[in-house]
Amino acid sequence: MRATRPARAGAAVVGRVAVAAVAEILLIECSRNALLYRMEAV
């Protein structure tokens, strides 16, 4: 039972890192699409 606490902490850290990575990728993709759209509009 002692191993459950560190395992949960590790899972929480991994989850946060995964969410941060996905959010960063989405932001990059959105900004890239916006730039392409602007260049096409001009």
N, C-alpha and C. Protein backbone atom coordinates (compact mmCIF):
# COMPACT_ATOMS: atom_id res chain seq x y z
N MET A 1 0.82 -1.21 0.00
CA MET A 1 0.00 0.00 0.00
C MET A 1 0.87 1.27 0.00
N ARG A 2 2.11 1.13 0.47
CA ARG A 2 2.98 2.30 0.52
C ARG A 2 3.33 2.81 -0.88
N ALA A 3 3.33 1.94 -1.85
CA ALA A 3 3.76 2.32 -3.20
C ALA A 3 2.67 3.10 -3.95
N THR A 4 1.46 3.11 -3.43
CA THR A 4 0.37 3.77 -4.17
C THR A 4 0.54 5.29 -4.17
N ARG A 5 1.06 5.84 -3.07
CA ARG A 5 1.17 7.30 -3.00
C ARG A 5 2.18 7.86 -4.01
N PRO A 6 3.43 7.33 -4.07
CA PRO A 6 4.37 7.81 -5.09
C PRO A 6 3.87 7.53 -6.50
N ALA A 7 3.20 6.41 -6.69
CA ALA A 7 2.69 6.08 -8.02
C ALA A 7 1.65 7.10 -8.45
N ARG A 8 0.79 7.50 -7.52
CA ARG A 8 -0.22 8.51 -7.85
C ARG A 8 0.44 9.84 -8.16
N ALA A 9 1.45 10.20 -7.39
CA ALA A 9 2.16 11.47 -7.62
C ALA A 9 2.82 11.43 -8.99
N GLY A 10 3.45 10.31 -9.33
CA GLY A 10 4.10 10.18 -10.63
C GLY A 10 3.08 10.26 -11.75
N ALA A 11 1.93 9.62 -11.57
CA ALA A 11 0.89 9.66 -12.60
C ALA A 11 0.37 11.08 -12.76
N ALA A 12 0.24 11.81 -11.66
CA ALA A 12 -0.24 13.20 -11.73
C ALA A 12 0.76 14.06 -12.49
N VAL A 13 2.05 13.86 -12.21
CA VAL A 13 3.09 14.63 -12.91
C VAL A 13 3.07 14.30 -14.40
N VAL A 14 2.99 13.02 -14.72
CA VAL A 14 2.96 12.61 -16.13
C VAL A 14 1.72 13.19 -16.81
N GLY A 15 0.60 13.17 -16.11
CA GLY A 15 -0.63 13.73 -16.68
C GLY A 15 -0.50 15.21 -16.95
N ARG A 16 0.09 15.93 -16.00
CA ARG A 16 0.26 17.37 -16.19
C ARG A 16 1.18 17.66 -17.37
N VAL A 17 2.26 16.91 -17.47
CA VAL A 17 3.20 17.10 -18.58
C VAL A 17 2.51 16.81 -19.91
N ALA A 18 1.71 15.75 -19.94
CA ALA A 18 1.01 15.39 -21.18
C ALA A 18 0.03 16.49 -21.57
N VAL A 19 -0.72 17.00 -20.59
CA VAL A 19 -1.69 18.08 -20.87
C VAL A 19 -0.96 19.32 -21.37
N ALA A 20 0.16 19.65 -20.72
CA ALA A 20 0.93 20.83 -21.14
C ALA A 20 1.45 20.65 -22.57
N ALA A 21 1.93 19.47 -22.88
CA ALA A 21 2.46 19.21 -24.23
C ALA A 21 1.35 19.32 -25.27
N VAL A 22 0.19 18.75 -24.97
CA VAL A 22 -0.94 18.81 -25.92
C VAL A 22 -1.38 20.25 -26.11
N ALA A 23 -1.46 21.01 -25.01
CA ALA A 23 -1.88 22.41 -25.10
C ALA A 23 -0.89 23.21 -25.94
N GLU A 24 0.41 22.94 -25.73
CA GLU A 24 1.43 23.66 -26.50
C GLU A 24 1.32 23.33 -27.98
N ILE A 25 1.12 22.06 -28.29
CA ILE A 25 0.99 21.65 -29.70
C ILE A 25 -0.23 22.31 -30.33
N LEU A 26 -1.34 22.35 -29.59
CA LEU A 26 -2.56 22.98 -30.12
C LEU A 26 -2.32 24.46 -30.37
N LEU A 27 -1.65 25.13 -29.44
CA LEU A 27 -1.37 26.56 -29.61
C LEU A 27 -0.50 26.79 -30.84
N ILE A 28 0.53 25.95 -31.00
CA ILE A 28 1.42 26.11 -32.15
C ILE A 28 0.65 25.88 -33.45
N GLU A 29 -0.19 24.85 -33.47
CA GLU A 29 -0.96 24.56 -34.68
C GLU A 29 -1.93 25.69 -35.00
N CYS A 30 -2.59 26.22 -33.97
CA CYS A 30 -3.54 27.31 -34.19
C CYS A 30 -2.83 28.55 -34.71
N SER A 31 -1.68 28.89 -34.13
CA SER A 31 -0.95 30.08 -34.57
C SER A 31 -0.44 29.87 -35.99
N ARG A 32 -0.02 28.66 -36.30
CA ARG A 32 0.48 28.36 -37.65
C ARG A 32 -0.65 28.49 -38.66
N ASN A 33 -1.82 27.95 -38.32
CA ASN A 33 -2.97 28.05 -39.22
C ASN A 33 -3.39 29.49 -39.40
N ALA A 34 -3.34 30.28 -38.32
CA ALA A 34 -3.71 31.70 -38.41
C ALA A 34 -2.74 32.43 -39.33
N LEU A 35 -1.45 32.13 -39.21
CA LEU A 35 -0.46 32.79 -40.08
C LEU A 35 -0.69 32.40 -41.54
N LEU A 36 -0.96 31.14 -41.79
CA LEU A 36 -1.22 30.70 -43.17
C LEU A 36 -2.46 31.39 -43.71
N TYR A 37 -3.48 31.49 -42.87
CA TYR A 37 -4.73 32.14 -43.31
C TYR A 37 -4.48 33.60 -43.64
N ARG A 38 -3.70 34.28 -42.81
CA ARG A 38 -3.40 35.69 -43.06
C ARG A 38 -2.61 35.85 -44.36
N MET A 39 -1.64 34.98 -44.58
CA MET A 39 -0.81 35.09 -45.79
C MET A 39 -1.66 34.83 -47.03
N GLU A 40 -2.61 33.89 -46.92
CA GLU A 40 -3.47 33.61 -48.06
C GLU A 40 -4.42 34.78 -48.30
N ALA A 41 -4.90 35.39 -47.22
CA ALA A 41 -5.83 36.52 -47.36
C ALA A 41 -5.14 37.71 -48.02
N VAL A 42 -3.86 37.90 -47.69
CA VAL A 42 -3.10 39.01 -48.29
C VAL A 42 -2.66 38.57 -49.68
